[in-house]
């Protein structure tokens, strides 16, 4: 069996451009709570290559959070109830009762926010006609934030074609860039209720590692909209709800592109089938 080379935190070098994928495989399918030497080396190298990714989100920064559903409240008993956004408590995660998320395990509460109303509404996967509460939050203090957005929209494979085709060795800098692109894409990948909980494990571990390294939040690019960023605030008490309004989704825009090889029906096979059908029809006795 081929020996897998380990990352080297002391040199600040990843052994391979596929180091994140190897880490994810190990913690998903081998051991997620007791780390082997490969996982420890990967985590150490991640921490050793954090350089220049610090961003400070300033106290008072406005951010948004969306939840499916709204309230209906009565302001006048002689008039019908009017739509209203959920109350402040409803717009924050329940302490110790959070469900699995990209950056948190079940029972660990973090606050998922976004920089625009459009990106937070899109993140809840609405349908046309869906009613949604959108709250505006304000940060109560400066937050040291890890910026994961540098590799957004790129593929670690796109920069490796020369290596894959010609066998040209990758530089440590190229391997590092590729691994951090994979980390950003892992956090940015949309979450659905049908996801296997094991899919979250690698990013959950990294989120805890970043938190233990002294970060108050992480930021990554939203897959919905060019201008939106997602912000995970590790302590939900670091942000207050300022207001909350009811919205209704009026239209959904879908963008798509072909991502693989198109297959074509074989004309020879089709002709053979047609010929077989004709011979079968001739051989069959006529019904009276």
Protein backbone atom coordinates (compact mmCIF):
# COMPACT_ATOMS: atom_id res chain seq x y z
CA UNK A 1 0.00 0.00 0.00
CA UNK A 2 1.37 3.41 -1.00
CA UNK A 3 2.59 5.52 1.93
CA UNK A 4 0.82 8.87 2.11
CA UNK A 5 3.20 11.74 2.76
CA UNK A 6 2.28 13.91 5.75
CA UNK A 7 1.98 17.68 5.83
CA UNK A 8 4.75 19.51 7.68
CA UNK A 9 3.70 22.32 10.07
CA UNK A 10 7.32 23.09 10.94
CA UNK A 11 8.02 23.96 7.28
CA UNK A 12 4.54 25.42 6.75
CA UNK A 13 4.09 23.10 3.79
CA UNK A 14 1.26 20.86 2.66
CA UNK A 15 2.42 17.54 1.27
CA UNK A 16 -0.10 17.59 -1.57
CA UNK A 17 -2.67 19.80 -3.26
CA UNK A 18 -5.12 17.07 -2.17
CA UNK A 19 -4.32 17.41 1.55
CA UNK A 20 -7.78 18.79 2.43
CA UNK A 21 -9.48 15.89 0.65
CA UNK A 22 -7.34 13.37 2.53
CA UNK A 23 -8.09 15.11 5.84
CA UNK A 24 -11.84 15.13 5.06
CA UNK A 25 -11.80 11.42 4.19
CA UNK A 26 -10.07 10.48 7.42
CA UNK A 27 -12.32 12.46 9.78
CA UNK A 28 -15.49 11.42 7.97
CA UNK A 29 -14.83 7.71 7.65
CA UNK A 30 -12.03 6.71 10.02
CA UNK A 31 -11.81 8.70 13.25
CA UNK A 32 -13.23 12.14 13.91
CA UNK A 33 -12.72 12.51 17.67
CA UNK A 34 -9.29 10.93 18.15
CA UNK A 35 -7.03 12.31 15.44
CA UNK A 36 -4.28 10.28 13.81
CA UNK A 37 -0.89 11.77 12.96
CA UNK A 38 -1.98 12.73 9.44
CA UNK A 39 -4.94 14.77 10.70
CA UNK A 40 -2.82 16.43 13.39
CA UNK A 41 -0.21 17.36 10.79
CA UNK A 42 -2.88 18.81 8.49
CA UNK A 43 -4.43 20.89 11.28
CA UNK A 44 -0.99 22.12 12.31
CA UNK A 45 -0.17 23.14 8.75
CA UNK A 46 -3.51 24.94 8.38
CA UNK A 47 -2.70 26.98 11.49
CA UNK A 48 0.84 27.61 10.23
CA UNK A 49 -0.44 29.02 6.91
CA UNK A 50 -3.12 31.39 8.23
CA UNK A 51 -0.96 34.39 7.32
CA UNK A 52 -2.63 37.55 6.06
CA UNK A 53 -6.17 36.20 6.48
CA UNK A 54 -7.14 38.28 9.52
CA UNK A 55 -9.98 40.79 9.10
CA UNK A 56 -11.59 42.89 11.84
CA UNK A 57 -15.35 43.24 11.65
CA UNK A 58 -16.01 46.54 13.37
CA UNK A 59 -18.41 47.11 16.24
CA UNK A 60 -21.71 48.31 14.80
CA UNK A 61 -21.32 46.44 11.49
CA UNK A 62 -24.83 45.64 10.13
CA UNK A 63 -25.45 42.00 9.18
CA UNK A 64 -28.56 39.96 8.34
CA UNK A 65 -30.19 36.64 9.16
CA UNK A 66 -33.19 34.98 7.49
CA UNK A 67 -35.64 32.37 8.75
CA UNK A 68 -38.46 30.71 6.84
CA UNK A 69 -41.83 31.88 8.16
CA UNK A 70 -43.31 35.03 9.65
CA UNK A 71 -45.68 36.04 12.43
CA UNK A 72 -49.11 37.61 12.16
CA UNK A 73 -49.89 40.15 14.85
CA UNK A 74 -52.94 42.17 15.80
CA UNK A 75 -52.60 45.92 16.27
CA UNK A 76 -56.33 46.56 16.26
CA UNK A 77 -59.02 44.04 17.19
CA UNK A 78 -61.26 45.52 14.50
CA UNK A 79 -58.72 44.84 11.76
CA UNK A 80 -57.20 41.59 10.48
CA UNK A 81 -53.81 40.46 11.74
CA UNK A 82 -50.88 41.98 9.92
CA UNK A 83 -47.66 40.22 8.83
CA UNK A 84 -44.61 40.84 10.98
CA UNK A 85 -41.09 39.48 11.27
CA UNK A 86 -40.29 36.95 14.00
CA UNK A 87 -39.35 38.30 17.41
CA UNK A 88 -35.71 38.78 18.45
CA UNK A 89 -35.47 35.52 20.40
CA UNK A 90 -36.76 33.53 17.40
CA UNK A 91 -34.11 35.04 15.15
CA UNK A 92 -31.23 33.75 17.27
CA UNK A 93 -30.20 30.09 17.65
CA UNK A 94 -31.55 28.29 20.69
CA UNK A 95 -28.81 27.76 23.30
CA UNK A 96 -27.54 24.17 23.32
CA UNK A 97 -30.25 23.05 20.88
CA UNK A 98 -28.80 23.93 17.49
CA UNK A 99 -29.01 21.42 14.66
CA UNK A 100 -26.01 20.31 12.59
CA UNK A 101 -24.50 23.04 10.45
CA UNK A 102 -21.52 23.66 8.24
CA UNK A 103 -19.63 25.30 11.13
CA UNK A 104 -21.23 23.71 14.19
CA UNK A 105 -22.05 20.29 15.59
CA UNK A 106 -25.52 19.56 16.98
CA UNK A 107 -25.99 21.33 20.30
CA UNK A 108 -23.23 23.90 19.65
CA UNK A 109 -24.82 27.28 18.97
CA UNK A 110 -23.23 29.68 16.50
CA UNK A 111 -24.83 32.58 14.67
CA UNK A 112 -25.01 32.36 10.88
CA UNK A 113 -25.26 35.84 9.37
CA UNK A 114 -24.77 37.43 5.96
CA UNK A 115 -23.78 40.78 4.51
CA UNK A 116 -26.86 41.31 2.30
CA UNK A 117 -30.56 40.59 2.55
CA UNK A 118 -30.46 38.80 -0.80
CA UNK A 119 -27.76 36.33 0.19
CA UNK A 120 -29.36 35.40 3.54
CA UNK A 121 -32.78 34.94 1.93
CA UNK A 122 -31.21 32.76 -0.78
CA UNK A 123 -29.39 30.65 1.84
CA UNK A 124 -32.70 29.37 3.31
CA UNK A 125 -33.67 27.84 -0.09
CA UNK A 126 -37.01 29.64 -0.51
CA UNK A 127 -39.66 28.97 -3.11
CA UNK A 128 -41.83 31.45 -4.98
CA UNK A 129 -44.40 32.71 -2.52
CA UNK A 130 -42.37 31.77 0.57
CA UNK A 131 -42.75 34.07 3.56
CA UNK A 132 -39.48 34.88 5.28
CA UNK A 133 -38.41 36.86 8.33
CA UNK A 134 -35.22 38.88 7.84
CA UNK A 135 -33.57 40.44 10.88
CA UNK A 136 -30.90 43.09 10.89
CA UNK A 137 -28.15 42.52 13.45
CA UNK A 138 -25.48 44.82 14.82
CA UNK A 139 -22.12 43.65 16.16
CA UNK A 140 -21.59 44.60 19.80
CA UNK A 141 -17.78 44.61 19.59
CA UNK A 142 -14.91 44.27 17.15
CA UNK A 143 -14.58 40.65 15.98
CA UNK A 144 -11.34 39.07 14.84
CA UNK A 145 -12.46 37.26 11.70
CA UNK A 146 -10.77 34.68 9.48
CA UNK A 147 -11.24 35.48 5.80
CA UNK A 148 -11.77 32.30 3.75
CA UNK A 149 -12.94 34.05 0.60
CA UNK A 150 -9.73 34.33 -1.40
CA UNK A 151 -10.20 31.14 -3.38
CA UNK A 152 -13.94 31.48 -3.96
CA UNK A 153 -15.17 30.31 -7.33
CA UNK A 154 -11.86 28.71 -8.24
CA UNK A 155 -11.03 25.04 -8.51
CA UNK A 156 -7.86 23.63 -7.06
CA UNK A 157 -7.66 21.51 -10.21
CA UNK A 158 -7.71 24.49 -12.58
CA UNK A 159 -4.24 25.55 -11.48
CA UNK A 160 -2.84 22.02 -11.62
CA UNK A 161 -3.26 21.13 -15.28
CA UNK A 162 0.44 21.40 -16.06
CA UNK A 163 1.21 19.16 -13.09
CA UNK A 164 -1.40 16.59 -14.07
CA UNK A 165 -0.55 16.53 -17.78
CA UNK A 166 3.23 16.93 -17.71
CA UNK A 167 4.12 15.79 -14.21
CA UNK A 168 5.68 19.16 -13.34
CA UNK A 169 6.25 19.35 -9.56
CA UNK A 170 4.11 21.85 -7.67
CA UNK A 171 5.76 24.48 -5.54
CA UNK A 172 4.86 24.66 -1.83
CA UNK A 173 3.05 27.93 -2.58
CA UNK A 174 0.91 26.26 -5.26
CA UNK A 175 0.03 23.39 -2.93
CA UNK A 176 -0.91 25.85 -0.20
CA UNK A 177 -3.11 27.87 -2.56
CA UNK A 178 -4.86 24.70 -3.75
CA UNK A 179 -5.57 23.49 -0.20
CA UNK A 180 -7.00 26.83 0.91
CA UNK A 181 -9.21 26.96 -2.19
CA UNK A 182 -10.60 23.57 -1.15
CA UNK A 183 -11.19 24.83 2.41
CA UNK A 184 -13.07 27.89 1.16
CA UNK A 185 -15.18 25.80 -1.22
CA UNK A 186 -15.99 23.34 1.58
CA UNK A 187 -17.44 26.12 3.74
CA UNK A 188 -19.21 27.81 0.83
CA UNK A 189 -20.91 24.65 -0.42
CA UNK A 190 -24.68 25.07 0.11
CA UNK A 191 -26.24 23.12 2.99
CA UNK A 192 -29.48 21.17 2.58
CA UNK A 193 -31.62 19.25 5.06
CA UNK A 194 -30.92 16.04 3.16
CA UNK A 195 -27.15 16.29 3.65
CA UNK A 196 -25.46 13.42 5.46
CA UNK A 197 -24.24 14.76 8.82
CA UNK A 198 -20.82 13.24 8.06
CA UNK A 199 -20.43 15.79 5.25
CA UNK A 200 -20.23 18.55 7.87
CA UNK A 201 -17.49 16.96 9.96
CA UNK A 202 -14.39 18.43 8.22
CA UNK A 203 -15.65 22.02 8.32
CA UNK A 204 -17.01 21.61 11.84
CA UNK A 205 -13.56 20.51 13.00
CA UNK A 206 -11.88 23.41 11.20
CA UNK A 207 -14.37 25.90 12.68
CA UNK A 208 -13.50 24.67 16.18
CA UNK A 209 -9.80 24.87 15.35
CA UNK A 210 -10.19 28.48 14.17
CA UNK A 211 -12.18 29.35 17.28
CA UNK A 212 -9.53 27.80 19.54
CA UNK A 213 -6.89 29.82 17.65
CA UNK A 214 -8.52 33.02 18.88
CA UNK A 215 -10.92 33.91 16.09
CA UNK A 216 -14.35 35.33 16.94
CA UNK A 217 -15.84 34.65 13.50
CA UNK A 218 -15.14 33.27 10.04
CA UNK A 219 -16.24 34.73 6.72
CA UNK A 220 -16.76 32.86 3.47
CA UNK A 221 -18.35 33.63 0.15
CA UNK A 222 -21.98 32.87 -0.45
CA UNK A 223 -22.81 30.71 -3.46
CA UNK A 224 -25.88 32.91 -3.94
CA UNK A 225 -25.12 36.29 -5.49
CA UNK A 226 -21.82 37.86 -6.39
CA UNK A 227 -21.74 40.38 -3.55
CA UNK A 228 -22.85 38.32 -0.56
CA UNK A 229 -20.65 36.99 2.21
CA UNK A 230 -21.60 34.58 4.97
CA UNK A 231 -20.36 35.31 8.48
CA UNK A 232 -20.31 32.73 11.29
CA UNK A 233 -20.13 34.41 14.69
CA UNK A 234 -18.97 31.85 17.24
CA UNK A 235 -20.67 33.58 20.21
CA UNK A 236 -24.28 34.50 19.34
CA UNK A 237 -24.24 37.11 22.12
CA UNK A 238 -21.73 39.16 20.11
CA UNK A 239 -24.58 40.52 17.94
CA UNK A 240 -27.94 42.10 18.77
CA UNK A 241 -31.15 42.14 16.74
CA UNK A 242 -32.06 45.68 15.68
CA UNK A 243 -35.21 44.97 13.68
CA UNK A 244 -36.99 42.25 11.76
CA UNK A 245 -39.28 42.49 8.74
CA UNK A 246 -41.50 40.04 6.83
CA UNK A 247 -40.69 39.34 3.19
CA UNK A 248 -42.27 37.31 0.43
CA UNK A 249 -40.30 35.75 -2.43
CA UNK A 250 -41.64 36.94 -5.78
CA UNK A 251 -39.25 35.36 -8.27
CA UNK A 252 -36.37 32.89 -8.43
CA UNK A 253 -33.60 33.20 -11.00
CA UNK A 254 -31.81 29.97 -11.93
CA UNK A 255 -28.38 30.04 -13.56
CA UNK A 256 -26.82 26.86 -14.91
CA UNK A 257 -24.13 25.50 -17.20
CA UNK A 258 -23.26 22.11 -18.61
CA UNK A 259 -20.63 20.54 -16.33
CA UNK A 260 -19.72 17.23 -17.95
CA UNK A 261 -19.73 15.14 -21.08
CA UNK A 262 -22.93 14.81 -23.05
CA UNK A 263 -23.63 11.27 -24.25
CA UNK A 264 -25.25 10.52 -27.60
CA UNK A 265 -27.44 7.64 -28.68
CA UNK A 266 -25.58 5.25 -30.94
CA UNK A 267 -27.10 5.24 -34.43
CA UNK A 268 -25.86 1.67 -35.01
CA UNK A 269 -27.59 0.44 -31.89
CA UNK A 270 -30.75 2.31 -32.79
CA UNK A 271 -30.75 0.89 -36.35
CA UNK A 272 -30.15 -2.62 -35.02
CA UNK A 273 -33.11 -2.26 -32.67
CA UNK A 274 -35.32 -0.98 -35.48
CA UNK A 275 -34.27 -3.83 -37.75
CA UNK A 276 -34.94 -6.36 -35.00
CA UNK A 277 -38.41 -4.94 -34.46
CA UNK A 278 -39.21 -5.20 -38.20
CA UNK A 279 -38.04 -8.84 -38.37
CA UNK A 280 -40.07 -9.65 -35.28
CA UNK A 281 -43.16 -8.07 -36.79
CA UNK A 282 -42.82 -10.10 -39.99
CA UNK A 283 -42.37 -13.34 -38.07
CA UNK A 284 -45.40 -12.81 -35.85
CA UNK A 285 -48.65 -14.50 -36.99
CA UNK A 286 -51.43 -12.17 -37.96
CA UNK A 287 -54.25 -11.91 -35.50
CA UNK A 288 -57.74 -12.55 -36.84
